[in-house]
PDB file of all heavy atoms in Angstrom:
ATOM      1  N   ALA A   1       0.824  -1.230  -0.014  1.00  0.00           N
ATOM      2  CA  ALA A   1       0.011   0.002  -0.020  1.00  0.00           C
ATOM      3  C   ALA A   1       0.832   1.266   0.025  1.00  0.00           C
ATOM      4  O   ALA A   1       0.337   2.363  -0.295  1.00  0.00           O
ATOM      5  CB  ALA A   1      -0.949  -0.024   1.193  1.00  0.00           C
ATOM      6  N   TRP A   2       2.175   1.136   0.312  1.00  0.00           N
ATOM      7  CA  TRP A   2       3.024   2.316   0.295  1.00  0.00           C
ATOM      8  C   TRP A   2       3.049   2.981  -1.056  1.00  0.00           C
ATOM      9  O   TRP A   2       3.236   4.228  -1.188  1.00  0.00           O
ATOM     10  CB  TRP A   2       4.456   1.907   0.705  1.00  0.00           C
ATOM     11  CG  TRP A   2       5.103   0.976  -0.253  1.00  0.00           C
ATOM     12  CD1 TRP A   2       5.162  -0.413  -0.163  1.00  0.00           C
ATOM     13  CD2 TRP A   2       5.831   1.314  -1.459  1.00  0.00           C
ATOM     14  NE1 TRP A   2       5.856  -0.971  -1.230  1.00  0.00           N
ATOM     15  CE2 TRP A   2       6.274   0.084  -2.083  1.00  0.00           C
ATOM     16  CE3 TRP A   2       6.106   2.486  -2.093  1.00  0.00           C
ATOM     17  CZ2 TRP A   2       6.997   0.048  -3.198  1.00  0.00           C
ATOM     18  CZ3 TRP A   2       6.838   2.464  -3.326  1.00  0.00           C
ATOM     19  CH2 TRP A   2       7.255   1.252  -3.837  1.00  0.00           C
ATOM     20  N   ALA A   3       2.902   2.160  -2.137  1.00  0.00           N
ATOM     21  CA  ALA A   3       2.998   2.782  -3.524  1.00  0.00           C
ATOM     22  C   ALA A   3       1.889   3.717  -3.842  1.00  0.00           C
ATOM     23  O   ALA A   3       2.010   4.561  -4.739  1.00  0.00           O
ATOM     24  CB  ALA A   3       2.983   1.647  -4.587  1.00  0.00           C
ATOM     25  N   LEU A   4       0.810   3.653  -3.057  1.00  0.00           N
ATOM     26  CA  LEU A   4      -0.339   4.553  -3.322  1.00  0.00           C
ATOM     27  C   LEU A   4      -0.031   5.982  -2.878  1.00  0.00           C
ATOM     28  O   LEU A   4      -0.778   6.934  -3.251  1.00  0.00           O
ATOM     29  CB  LEU A   4      -1.572   4.070  -2.609  1.00  0.00           C
ATOM     30  CG  LEU A   4      -2.103   2.667  -3.018  1.00  0.00           C
ATOM     31  CD1 LEU A   4      -3.137   2.156  -2.075  1.00  0.00           C
ATOM     32  CD2 LEU A   4      -2.628   2.750  -4.420  1.00  0.00           C
ATOM     33  N   ARG A   5       1.035   6.176  -2.127  1.00  0.00           N
ATOM     34  CA  ARG A   5       1.353   7.523  -1.690  1.00  0.00           C
ATOM     35  C   ARG A   5       1.799   8.442  -2.841  1.00  0.00           C
ATOM     36  O   ARG A   5       1.700   9.643  -2.764  1.00  0.00           O
ATOM     37  CB  ARG A   5       2.502   7.497  -0.647  1.00  0.00           C
ATOM     38  CG  ARG A   5       2.137   6.844   0.667  1.00  0.00           C
ATOM     39  CD  ARG A   5       3.229   7.207   1.633  1.00  0.00           C
ATOM     40  NE  ARG A   5       3.195   6.420   2.856  1.00  0.00           N
ATOM     41  CZ  ARG A   5       3.954   6.627   3.877  1.00  0.00           C
ATOM     42  NH1 ARG A   5       4.838   7.689   3.849  1.00  0.00           N
ATOM     43  NH2 ARG A   5       3.944   5.853   4.962  1.00  0.00           N
ATOM     44  N   GLN A   6       2.441   7.810  -3.873  1.00  0.00           N
ATOM     45  CA  GLN A   6       3.019   8.634  -4.921  1.00  0.00           C
ATOM     46  C   GLN A   6       2.604   8.088  -6.315  1.00  0.00           C
ATOM     47  O   GLN A   6       2.856   6.924  -6.626  1.00  0.00           O
ATOM     48  CB  GLN A   6       4.552   8.570  -4.877  1.00  0.00           C
ATOM     49  CG  GLN A   6       5.137   9.182  -3.593  1.00  0.00           C
ATOM     50  CD  GLN A   6       6.664   9.107  -3.541  1.00  0.00           C
ATOM     51  OE1 GLN A   6       7.275   8.446  -4.335  1.00  0.00           O
ATOM     52  NE2 GLN A   6       7.170   9.777  -2.552  1.00  0.00           N
ATOM     53  N   PRO A   7       2.040   8.921  -7.185  1.00  0.00           N
ATOM     54  CA  PRO A   7       1.614   8.463  -8.528  1.00  0.00           C
ATOM     55  C   PRO A   7       2.767   7.902  -9.282  1.00  0.00           C
ATOM     56  O   PRO A   7       2.640   6.888 -10.054  1.00  0.00           O
ATOM     57  CB  PRO A   7       1.085   9.741  -9.167  1.00  0.00           C
ATOM     58  CG  PRO A   7       0.669  10.581  -7.998  1.00  0.00           C
ATOM     59  CD  PRO A   7       1.587  10.280  -6.911  1.00  0.00           C
ATOM     60  N   TYR A   8       3.964   8.478  -9.183  1.00  0.00           N
ATOM     61  CA  TYR A   8       5.102   7.916  -9.898  1.00  0.00           C
ATOM     62  C   TYR A   8       5.390   6.480  -9.470  1.00  0.00           C
ATOM     63  O   TYR A   8       5.737   5.637 -10.307  1.00  0.00           O
ATOM     64  CB  TYR A   8       6.395   8.762  -9.605  1.00  0.00           C
ATOM     65  CG  TYR A   8       7.660   8.095 -10.012  1.00  0.00           C
ATOM     66  CD1 TYR A   8       8.011   7.905 -11.347  1.00  0.00           C
ATOM     67  CD2 TYR A   8       8.492   7.551  -9.014  1.00  0.00           C
ATOM     68  CE1 TYR A   8       9.172   7.234 -11.689  1.00  0.00           C
ATOM     69  CE2 TYR A   8       9.663   6.867  -9.362  1.00  0.00           C
ATOM     70  CZ  TYR A   8       9.996   6.758 -10.699  1.00  0.00           C
ATOM     71  OH  TYR A   8      11.144   6.064 -11.068  1.00  0.00           O
ATOM     72  N   ALA A   9       5.263   6.223  -8.181  1.00  0.00           N
ATOM     73  CA  ALA A   9       5.553   4.881  -7.680  1.00  0.00           C
ATOM     74  C   ALA A   9       4.588   3.874  -8.351  1.00  0.00           C
ATOM     75  O   ALA A   9       5.032   2.773  -8.707  1.00  0.00           O
ATOM     76  CB  ALA A   9       5.461   4.771  -6.176  1.00  0.00           C
ATOM     77  N   LEU A  10       3.336   4.210  -8.469  1.00  0.00           N
ATOM     78  CA  LEU A  10       2.371   3.273  -9.065  1.00  0.00           C
ATOM     79  C   LEU A  10       2.732   3.036 -10.466  1.00  0.00           C
ATOM     80  O   LEU A  10       2.716   1.882 -10.957  1.00  0.00           O
ATOM     81  CB  LEU A  10       0.964   3.956  -9.021  1.00  0.00           C
ATOM     82  CG  LEU A  10       0.206   3.809  -7.695  1.00  0.00           C
ATOM     83  CD1 LEU A  10      -1.106   4.514  -7.798  1.00  0.00           C
ATOM     84  CD2 LEU A  10      -0.015   2.328  -7.329  1.00  0.00           C
ATOM     85  N   ASP A  11       3.134   4.078 -11.235  1.00  0.00           N
ATOM     86  CA  ASP A  11       3.475   3.892 -12.632  1.00  0.00           C
ATOM     87  C   ASP A  11       4.734   3.019 -12.781  1.00  0.00           C
ATOM     88  O   ASP A  11       4.858   2.222 -13.771  1.00  0.00           O
ATOM     89  CB  ASP A  11       3.700   5.219 -13.345  1.00  0.00           C
ATOM     90  CG  ASP A  11       2.420   6.046 -13.415  1.00  0.00           C
ATOM     91  OD1 ASP A  11       1.336   5.444 -13.307  1.00  0.00           O
ATOM     92  OD2 ASP A  11       2.539   7.294 -13.518  1.00  0.00           O
ATOM     93  N   ALA A  12       5.644   3.150 -11.884  1.00  0.00           N
ATOM     94  CA  ALA A  12       6.946   2.449 -11.993  1.00  0.00           C
ATOM     95  C   ALA A  12       6.939   1.040 -11.361  1.00  0.00           C
ATOM     96  O   ALA A  12       7.872   0.283 -11.600  1.00  0.00           O
ATOM     97  CB  ALA A  12       8.038   3.296 -11.295  1.00  0.00           C
ATOM     98  N   LEU A  13       5.842   0.744 -10.681  1.00  0.00           N
ATOM     99  CA  LEU A  13       5.845  -0.531  -9.888  1.00  0.00           C
ATOM    100  C   LEU A  13       6.016  -1.778 -10.739  1.00  0.00           C
ATOM    101  O   LEU A  13       6.851  -2.639 -10.348  1.00  0.00           O
ATOM    102  CB  LEU A  13       4.502  -0.564  -9.088  1.00  0.00           C
ATOM    103  CG  LEU A  13       4.505  -1.419  -7.806  1.00  0.00           C
ATOM    104  CD1 LEU A  13       5.661  -1.007  -6.896  1.00  0.00           C
ATOM    105  CD2 LEU A  13       3.198  -1.197  -7.084  1.00  0.00           C
ATOM    106  N   PRO A  14       5.248  -2.023 -11.825  1.00  0.00           N
ATOM    107  CA  PRO A  14       5.435  -3.251 -12.528  1.00  0.00           C
ATOM    108  C   PRO A  14       6.878  -3.437 -13.061  1.00  0.00           C
ATOM    109  O   PRO A  14       7.421  -4.550 -12.943  1.00  0.00           O
ATOM    110  CB  PRO A  14       4.399  -3.129 -13.710  1.00  0.00           C
ATOM    111  CG  PRO A  14       3.377  -2.198 -13.185  1.00  0.00           C
ATOM    112  CD  PRO A  14       4.136  -1.178 -12.368  1.00  0.00           C
ATOM    113  N   ALA A  15       7.453  -2.411 -13.644  1.00  0.00           N
ATOM    114  CA  ALA A  15       8.835  -2.507 -14.150  1.00  0.00           C
ATOM    115  C   ALA A  15       9.802  -2.787 -12.995  1.00  0.00           C
ATOM    116  O   ALA A  15      10.756  -3.578 -13.142  1.00  0.00           O
ATOM    117  CB  ALA A  15       9.200  -1.233 -14.867  1.00  0.00           C
ATOM    118  N   PHE A  16       9.610  -2.100 -11.826  1.00  0.00           N
ATOM    119  CA  PHE A  16      10.486  -2.375 -10.722  1.00  0.00           C
ATOM    120  C   PHE A  16      10.366  -3.804 -10.255  1.00  0.00           C
ATOM    121  O   PHE A  16      11.407  -4.476 -10.014  1.00  0.00           O
ATOM    122  CB  PHE A  16      10.089  -1.403  -9.615  1.00  0.00           C
ATOM    123  CG  PHE A  16      10.777  -1.728  -8.300  1.00  0.00           C
ATOM    124  CD1 PHE A  16      12.116  -1.527  -8.112  1.00  0.00           C
ATOM    125  CD2 PHE A  16      10.044  -2.313  -7.197  1.00  0.00           C
ATOM    126  CE1 PHE A  16      12.729  -1.853  -6.902  1.00  0.00           C
ATOM    127  CE2 PHE A  16      10.667  -2.637  -6.035  1.00  0.00           C
ATOM    128  CZ  PHE A  16      12.042  -2.377  -5.863  1.00  0.00           C
ATOM    129  N   GLU A  17       9.158  -4.331 -10.036  1.00  0.00           N
ATOM    130  CA  GLU A  17       8.968  -5.690  -9.574  1.00  0.00           C
ATOM    131  C   GLU A  17       9.648  -6.684 -10.491  1.00  0.00           C
ATOM    132  O   GLU A  17      10.259  -7.608 -10.061  1.00  0.00           O
ATOM    133  CB  GLU A  17       7.507  -6.025  -9.464  1.00  0.00           C
ATOM    134  CG  GLU A  17       6.732  -5.308  -8.357  1.00  0.00           C
ATOM    135  CD  GLU A  17       6.957  -5.930  -6.977  1.00  0.00           C
ATOM    136  OE1 GLU A  17       7.987  -6.544  -6.746  1.00  0.00           O
ATOM    137  OE2 GLU A  17       6.015  -5.784  -6.154  1.00  0.00           O
ATOM    138  N   ALA A  18       9.542  -6.432 -11.829  1.00  0.00           N
ATOM    139  CA  ALA A  18      10.158  -7.321 -12.793  1.00  0.00           C
ATOM    140  C   ALA A  18      11.682  -7.223 -12.712  1.00  0.00           C
ATOM    141  O   ALA A  18      12.404  -8.266 -12.809  1.00  0.00           O
ATOM    142  CB  ALA A  18       9.700  -7.005 -14.181  1.00  0.00           C
ATOM    143  N   SER A  19      12.208  -6.053 -12.543  1.00  0.00           N
ATOM    144  CA  SER A  19      13.652  -5.785 -12.625  1.00  0.00           C
ATOM    145  C   SER A  19      14.459  -6.437 -11.495  1.00  0.00           C
ATOM    146  O   SER A  19      15.668  -6.632 -11.629  1.00  0.00           O
ATOM    147  CB  SER A  19      13.911  -4.276 -12.727  1.00  0.00           C
ATOM    148  OG  SER A  19      13.686  -3.675 -11.503  1.00  0.00           O
ATOM    149  N   ILE A  20      13.764  -6.632 -10.337  1.00  0.00           N
ATOM    150  CA  ILE A  20      14.503  -7.171  -9.171  1.00  0.00           C
ATOM    151  C   ILE A  20      14.492  -8.673  -9.093  1.00  0.00           C
ATOM    152  O   ILE A  20      15.109  -9.253  -8.171  1.00  0.00           O
ATOM    153  CB  ILE A  20      13.959  -6.570  -7.884  1.00  0.00           C
ATOM    154  CG1 ILE A  20      12.492  -6.995  -7.621  1.00  0.00           C
ATOM    155  CG2 ILE A  20      14.125  -5.073  -7.806  1.00  0.00           C
ATOM    156  CD1 ILE A  20      11.977  -6.628  -6.242  1.00  0.00           C
ATOM    157  N   ASN A  21      13.904  -9.346 -10.082  1.00  0.00           N
ATOM    158  CA  ASN A  21      13.836 -10.847 -10.024  1.00  0.00           C
ATOM    159  C   ASN A  21      15.213 -11.444  -9.944  1.00  0.00           C
ATOM    160  O   ASN A  21      15.359 -12.518  -9.328  1.00  0.00           O
ATOM    161  CB  ASN A  21      12.988 -11.321 -11.193  1.00  0.00           C
ATOM    162  CG  ASN A  21      11.519 -11.267 -10.932  1.00  0.00           C
ATOM    163  OD1 ASN A  21      11.004 -11.787  -9.949  1.00  0.00           O
ATOM    164  ND2 ASN A  21      10.799 -10.661 -11.828  1.00  0.00           N
ATOM    165  N   ASP A  22      16.195 -10.903 -10.648  1.00  0.00           N
ATOM    166  CA  ASP A  22      17.516 -11.544 -10.633  1.00  0.00           C
ATOM    167  C   ASP A  22      18.151 -11.523  -9.247  1.00  0.00           C
ATOM    168  O   ASP A  22      19.058 -12.342  -8.978  1.00  0.00           O
ATOM    169  CB  ASP A  22      18.441 -10.844 -11.636  1.00  0.00           C
ATOM    170  CG  ASP A  22      18.717  -9.407 -11.270  1.00  0.00           C
ATOM    171  OD1 ASP A  22      17.743  -8.636 -11.195  1.00  0.00           O
ATOM    172  OD2 ASP A  22      19.928  -9.027 -11.130  1.00  0.00           O
ATOM    173  N   LEU A  23      17.670 -10.690  -8.313  1.00  0.00           N
ATOM    174  CA  LEU A  23      18.198 -10.718  -6.954  1.00  0.00           C
ATOM    175  C   LEU A  23      17.858 -12.014  -6.260  1.00  0.00           C
ATOM    176  O   LEU A  23      18.515 -12.351  -5.289  1.00  0.00           O
ATOM    177  CB  LEU A  23      17.602  -9.526  -6.089  1.00  0.00           C
ATOM    178  CG  LEU A  23      17.985  -8.136  -6.488  1.00  0.00           C
ATOM    179  CD1 LEU A  23      17.303  -7.140  -5.596  1.00  0.00           C
ATOM    180  CD2 LEU A  23      19.528  -7.950  -6.361  1.00  0.00           C
ATOM    181  N   PHE A  24      16.844 -12.721  -6.722  1.00  0.00           N
ATOM    182  CA  PHE A  24      16.404 -13.957  -6.108  1.00  0.00           C
ATOM    183  C   PHE A  24      17.116 -15.162  -6.631  1.00  0.00           C
ATOM    184  O   PHE A  24      16.907 -16.324  -6.118  1.00  0.00           O
ATOM    185  CB  PHE A  24      14.894 -14.092  -6.329  1.00  0.00           C
ATOM    186  CG  PHE A  24      14.037 -13.083  -5.681  1.00  0.00           C
ATOM    187  CD1 PHE A  24      13.943 -11.832  -6.261  1.00  0.00           C
ATOM    188  CD2 PHE A  24      13.437 -13.282  -4.425  1.00  0.00           C
ATOM    189  CE1 PHE A  24      13.150 -10.800  -5.673  1.00  0.00           C
ATOM    190  CE2 PHE A  24      12.669 -12.254  -3.821  1.00  0.00           C
ATOM    191  CZ  PHE A  24      12.517 -11.017  -4.484  1.00  0.00           C
ATOM    192  N   ALA A  25      17.896 -15.060  -7.704  1.00  0.00           N
ATOM    193  CA  ALA A  25      18.440 -16.219  -8.437  1.00  0.00           C
ATOM    194  C   ALA A  25      19.457 -16.970  -7.658  1.00  0.00           C
ATOM    195  O   ALA A  25      19.765 -18.146  -7.960  1.00  0.00           O
ATOM    196  CB  ALA A  25      19.034 -15.755  -9.783  1.00  0.00           C
ATOM    197  N   ASP A  26      20.104 -16.385  -6.592  1.00  0.00           N
ATOM    198  CA  ASP A  26      21.059 -17.065  -5.818  1.00  0.00           C
ATOM    199  C   ASP A  26      20.458 -17.847  -4.688  1.00  0.00           C
ATOM    200  O   ASP A  26      21.196 -18.476  -3.861  1.00  0.00           O
ATOM    201  CB  ASP A  26      22.097 -16.084  -5.261  1.00  0.00           C
ATOM    202  CG  ASP A  26      23.033 -15.530  -6.346  1.00  0.00           C
ATOM    203  OD1 ASP A  26      23.360 -16.309  -7.244  1.00  0.00           O
ATOM    204  OD2 ASP A  26      23.381 -14.344  -6.265  1.00  0.00           O
ATOM    205  N   GLY A  27      19.140 -17.762  -4.507  1.00  0.00           N
ATOM    206  CA  GLY A  27      18.492 -18.580  -3.485  1.00  0.00           C
ATOM    207  C   GLY A  27      18.742 -18.099  -2.068  1.00  0.00           C
ATOM    208  O   GLY A  27      18.730 -18.890  -1.110  1.00  0.00           O
ATOM    209  N   ARG A  28      18.965 -16.767  -1.891  1.00  0.00           N
ATOM    210  CA  ARG A  28      19.162 -16.260  -0.546  1.00  0.00           C
ATOM    211  C   ARG A  28      18.068 -15.322  -0.108  1.00  0.00           C
ATOM    212  O   ARG A  28      18.094 -14.787   1.012  1.00  0.00           O
ATOM    213  CB  ARG A  28      20.484 -15.501  -0.481  1.00  0.00           C
ATOM    214  CG  ARG A  28      21.637 -16.375  -0.895  1.00  0.00           C
ATOM    215  CD  ARG A  28      22.988 -15.580  -0.751  1.00  0.00           C
ATOM    216  NE  ARG A  28      24.070 -16.404  -1.282  1.00  0.00           N
ATOM    217  CZ  ARG A  28      25.334 -16.226  -0.922  1.00  0.00           C
ATOM    218  NH1 ARG A  28      25.669 -15.221  -0.126  1.00  0.00           N
ATOM    219  NH2 ARG A  28      26.309 -16.969  -1.447  1.00  0.00           N
ATOM    220  N   LEU A  29      17.152 -15.060  -1.010  1.00  0.00           N
ATOM    221  CA  LEU A  29      16.088 -14.095  -0.729  1.00  0.00           C
ATOM    222  C   LEU A  29      14.717 -14.649  -1.141  1.00  0.00           C
ATOM    223  O   LEU A  29      14.579 -15.274  -2.188  1.00  0.00           O
ATOM    224  CB  LEU A  29      16.315 -12.774  -1.485  1.00  0.00           C
ATOM    225  CG  LEU A  29      15.255 -11.698  -1.484  1.00  0.00           C
ATOM    226  CD1 LEU A  29      15.024 -11.135  -0.141  1.00  0.00           C
ATOM    227  CD2 LEU A  29      15.659 -10.557  -2.490  1.00  0.00           C
ATOM    228  N   SER A  30      13.725 -14.428  -0.316  1.00  0.00           N
ATOM    229  CA  SER A  30      12.321 -14.714  -0.683  1.00  0.00           C
ATOM    230  C   SER A  30      11.521 -13.478  -0.324  1.00  0.00           C
ATOM    231  O   SER A  30      11.781 -12.893   0.767  1.00  0.00           O
ATOM    232  CB  SER A  30      11.819 -15.936   0.056  1.00  0.00           C
ATOM    233  OG  SER A  30      10.420 -16.098  -0.184  1.00  0.00           O
ATOM    234  N   ALA A  31      10.561 -13.086  -1.114  1.00  0.00           N
ATOM    235  CA  ALA A  31       9.783 -11.857  -0.806  1.00  0.00           C
ATOM    236  C   ALA A  31       8.348 -12.184  -1.167  1.00  0.00           C
ATOM    237  O   ALA A  31       8.002 -12.765  -2.195  1.00  0.00           O
ATOM    238  CB  ALA A  31      10.259 -10.673  -1.539  1.00  0.00           C
ATOM    239  N   VAL A  32       7.404 -11.748  -0.319  1.00  0.00           N
ATOM    240  CA  VAL A  32       5.995 -11.807  -0.554  1.00  0.00           C
ATOM    241  C   VAL A  32       5.527 -10.366  -0.603  1.00  0.00           C
ATOM    242  O   VAL A  32       5.601  -9.640   0.414  1.00  0.00           O
ATOM    243  CB  VAL A  32       5.248 -12.578   0.522  1.00  0.00           C
ATOM    244  CG1 VAL A  32       3.735 -12.574   0.244  1.00  0.00           C
ATOM    245  CG2 VAL A  32       5.756 -14.055   0.565  1.00  0.00           C
ATOM    246  N   CYS A  33       5.017  -9.933  -1.762  1.00  0.00           N
ATOM    247  CA  CYS A  33       4.548  -8.600  -1.962  1.00  0.00           C
ATOM    248  C   CYS A  33       2.985  -8.547  -1.828  1.00  0.00           C
ATOM    249  O   CYS A  33       2.325  -9.196  -2.695  1.00  0.00           O
ATOM    250  CB  CYS A  33       4.983  -8.022  -3.309  1.00  0.00           C
ATOM    251  SG  CYS A  33       6.791  -8.147  -3.562  1.00  0.00           S
ATOM    252  N   GLN A  34       2.459  -7.992  -0.778  1.00  0.00           N
ATOM    253  CA  GLN A  34       1.077  -8.063  -0.497  1.00  0.00           C
ATOM    254  C   GLN A  34       0.275  -6.899  -1.102  1.00  0.00           C
ATOM    255  O   GLN A  34       0.506  -5.726  -0.710  1.00  0.00           O
ATOM    256  CB  GLN A  34       0.843  -8.136   1.012  1.00  0.00           C
ATOM    257  CG  GLN A  34       1.525  -9.330   1.671  1.00  0.00           C
ATOM    258  CD  GLN A  34       1.329  -9.413   3.129  1.00  0.00           C
ATOM    259  OE1 GLN A  34       1.572  -8.373   3.870  1.00  0.00           O
ATOM    260  NE2 GLN A  34       0.965 -10.548   3.649  1.00  0.00           N
ATOM    261  N   TYR A  35      -0.583  -7.191  -2.079  1.00  0.00           N
ATOM    262  CA  TYR A  35      -1.322  -6.179  -2.848  1.00  0.00           C
ATOM    263  C   TYR A  35      -2.800  -6.271  -2.436  1.00  0.00           C
ATOM    264  O   TYR A  35      -3.442  -7.329  -2.618  1.00  0.00           O
ATOM    265  CB  TYR A  35      -1.185  -6.398  -4.334  1.00  0.00           C
ATOM    266  CG  TYR A  35       0.178  -5.925  -4.852  1.00  0.00           C
ATOM    267  CD1 TYR A  35       1.240  -6.778  -4.886  1.00  0.00           C
ATOM    268  CD2 TYR A  35       0.275  -4.625  -5.370  1.00  0.00           C
ATOM    269  CE1 TYR A  35       2.507  -6.313  -5.414  1.00  0.00           C
ATOM    270  CE2 TYR A  35       1.491  -4.194  -5.894  1.00  0.00           C
ATOM    271  CZ  TYR A  35       2.583  -5.048  -5.872  1.00  0.00           C
ATOM    272  OH  TYR A  35       3.782  -4.522  -6.377  1.00  0.00           O
ATOM    273  N   ASP A  36      -3.366  -5.165  -1.952  1.00  0.00           N
ATOM    274  CA  ASP A  36      -4.782  -5.097  -1.637  1.00  0.00           C
ATOM    275  C   ASP A  36      -5.528  -4.993  -2.964  1.00  0.00           C
ATOM    276  O   ASP A  36      -5.488  -3.949  -3.636  1.00  0.00           O
ATOM    277  CB  ASP A  36      -5.029  -3.861  -0.735  1.00  0.00           C
ATOM    278  CG  ASP A  36      -6.435  -3.838  -0.148  1.00  0.00           C
ATOM    279  OD1 ASP A  36      -7.318  -4.469  -0.787  1.00  0.00           O
ATOM    280  OD2 ASP A  36      -6.618  -3.247   0.874  1.00  0.00           O
ATOM    281  N   ARG A  37      -6.249  -6.052  -3.264  1.00  0.00           N
ATOM    282  CA  ARG A  37      -6.983  -6.110  -4.519  1.00  0.00           C
ATOM    283  C   ARG A  37      -8.045  -4.987  -4.680  1.00  0.00           C
ATOM    284  O   ARG A  37      -8.385  -4.582  -5.788  1.00  0.00           O
ATOM    285  CB  ARG A  37      -7.680  -7.480  -4.666  1.00  0.00           C
ATOM    286  CG  ARG A  37      -8.249  -7.757  -6.046  1.00  0.00           C
ATOM    287  CD  ARG A  37      -7.122  -7.911  -7.045  1.00  0.00           C
ATOM    288  NE  ARG A  37      -7.651  -8.171  -8.381  1.00  0.00           N
ATOM    289  CZ  ARG A  37      -8.067  -7.218  -9.222  1.00  0.00           C
ATOM    290  NH1 ARG A  37      -8.016  -5.961  -8.860  1.00  0.00           N
ATOM    291  NH2 ARG A  37      -8.526  -7.531 -10.413  1.00  0.00           N
ATOM    292  N   ARG A  38      -8.449  -4.414  -3.553  1.00  0.00           N
ATOM    293  CA  ARG A  38      -9.487  -3.365  -3.547  1.00  0.00           C
ATOM    294  C   ARG A  38      -8.917  -2.011  -3.988  1.00  0.00           C
ATOM    295  O   ARG A  38      -9.681  -1.086  -4.280  1.00  0.00           O
ATOM    296  CB  ARG A  38     -10.115  -3.238  -2.140  1.00  0.00           C
ATOM    297  CG  ARG A  38     -10.755  -4.551  -1.671  1.00  0.00           C
ATOM    298  CD  ARG A  38     -10.995  -4.519  -0.182  1.00  0.00           C
ATOM    299  NE  ARG A  38      -9.751  -4.398   0.622  1.00  0.00           N
ATOM    300  CZ  ARG A  38      -9.670  -4.427   1.918  1.00  0.00           C
ATOM    301  NH1 ARG A  38     -10.811  -4.491   2.638  1.00  0.00           N
ATOM    302  NH2 ARG A  38      -8.532  -4.326   2.525  1.00  0.00           N
ATOM    303  N   LEU A  39      -7.576  -1.844  -3.954  1.00  0.00           N
ATOM    304  CA  LEU A  39      -6.977  -0.587  -4.182  1.00  0.00           C
ATOM    305  C   LEU A  39      -6.323  -0.369  -5.563  1.00  0.00           C
ATOM    306  O   LEU A  39      -5.974   0.762  -5.903  1.00  0.00           O
ATOM    307  CB  LEU A  39      -5.892  -0.296  -3.070  1.00  0.00           C
ATOM    308  CG  LEU A  39      -6.401  -0.403  -1.632  1.00  0.00           C
ATOM    309  CD1 LEU A  39      -5.197  -0.153  -0.714  1.00  0.00           C
ATOM    310  CD2 LEU A  39      -7.509   0.607  -1.391  1.00  0.00           C
ATOM    311  N   TYR A  40      -6.188  -1.474  -6.337  1.00  0.00           N
ATOM    312  CA  TYR A  40      -5.480  -1.391  -7.637  1.00  0.00           C
ATOM    313  C   TYR A  40      -6.466  -1.719  -8.742  1.00  0.00           C
ATOM    314  O   TYR A  40      -7.219  -2.675  -8.662  1.00  0.00           O
ATOM    315  CB  TYR A  40      -4.292  -2.364  -7.649  1.00  0.00           C
ATOM    316  CG  TYR A  40      -3.192  -1.966  -6.694  1.00  0.00           C
ATOM    317  CD1 TYR A  40      -3.225  -2.411  -5.328  1.00  0.00           C
ATOM    318  CD2 TYR A  40      -2.151  -1.169  -7.070  1.00  0.00           C
ATOM    319  CE1 TYR A  40      -2.225  -2.079  -4.481  1.00  0.00           C
ATOM    320  CE2 TYR A  40      -1.128  -0.799  -6.242  1.00  0.00           C
ATOM    321  CZ  TYR A  40      -1.159  -1.249  -4.931  1.00  0.00           C
ATOM    322  OH  TYR A  40      -0.180  -0.915  -4.009  1.00  0.00           O
ATOM    323  N   ASP A  41      -6.357  -0.849  -9.845  1.00  0.00           N
ATOM    324  CA  ASP A  41      -7.251  -1.116 -10.973  1.00  0.00           C
ATOM    325  C   ASP A  41      -6.747  -2.417 -11.710  1.00  0.00           C
ATOM    326  O   ASP A  41      -5.620  -2.840 -11.533  1.00  0.00           O
ATOM    327  CB  ASP A  41      -7.286   0.095 -11.889  1.00  0.00           C
ATOM    328  CG  ASP A  41      -5.945   0.377 -12.641  1.00  0.00           C
ATOM    329  OD1 ASP A  41      -5.383  -0.524 -13.178  1.00  0.00           O
ATOM    330  OD2 ASP A  41      -5.495   1.552 -12.533  1.00  0.00           O
ATOM    331  N   GLY A  42      -7.630  -2.938 -12.556  1.00  0.00           N
ATOM    332  CA  GLY A  42      -7.406  -4.177 -13.180  1.00  0.00           C
ATOM    333  C   GLY A  42      -6.143  -4.303 -13.983  1.00  0.00           C
ATOM    334  O   GLY A  42      -5.353  -5.253 -13.884  1.00  0.00           O
ATOM    335  N   ASP A  43      -5.907  -3.225 -14.857  1.00  0.00           N
ATOM    336  CA  ASP A  43      -4.705  -3.337 -15.730  1.00  0.00           C
ATOM    337  C   ASP A  43      -3.397  -3.269 -14.923  1.00  0.00           C
ATOM    338  O   ASP A  43      -2.508  -4.075 -15.119  1.00  0.00           O
ATOM    339  CB  ASP A  43      -4.748  -2.158 -16.698  1.00  0.00           C
ATOM    340  CG  ASP A  43      -3.508  -2.110 -17.609  1.00  0.00           C
ATOM    341  OD1 ASP A  43      -3.331  -3.009 -18.423  1.00  0.00           O
ATOM    342  OD2 ASP A  43      -2.713  -1.139 -17.491  1.00  0.00           O
TER     343      ASP A  43
END
């Protein structure tokens, strides 16, 4: 829900989430990103 504070953050969110996937490739990190379905539009 932090991303809702800044319009730029919302626009940049999908690209950011995709770009950090390589951080997980060494098997030292796991992350659960919790998105409130009521707050985000479908697209």
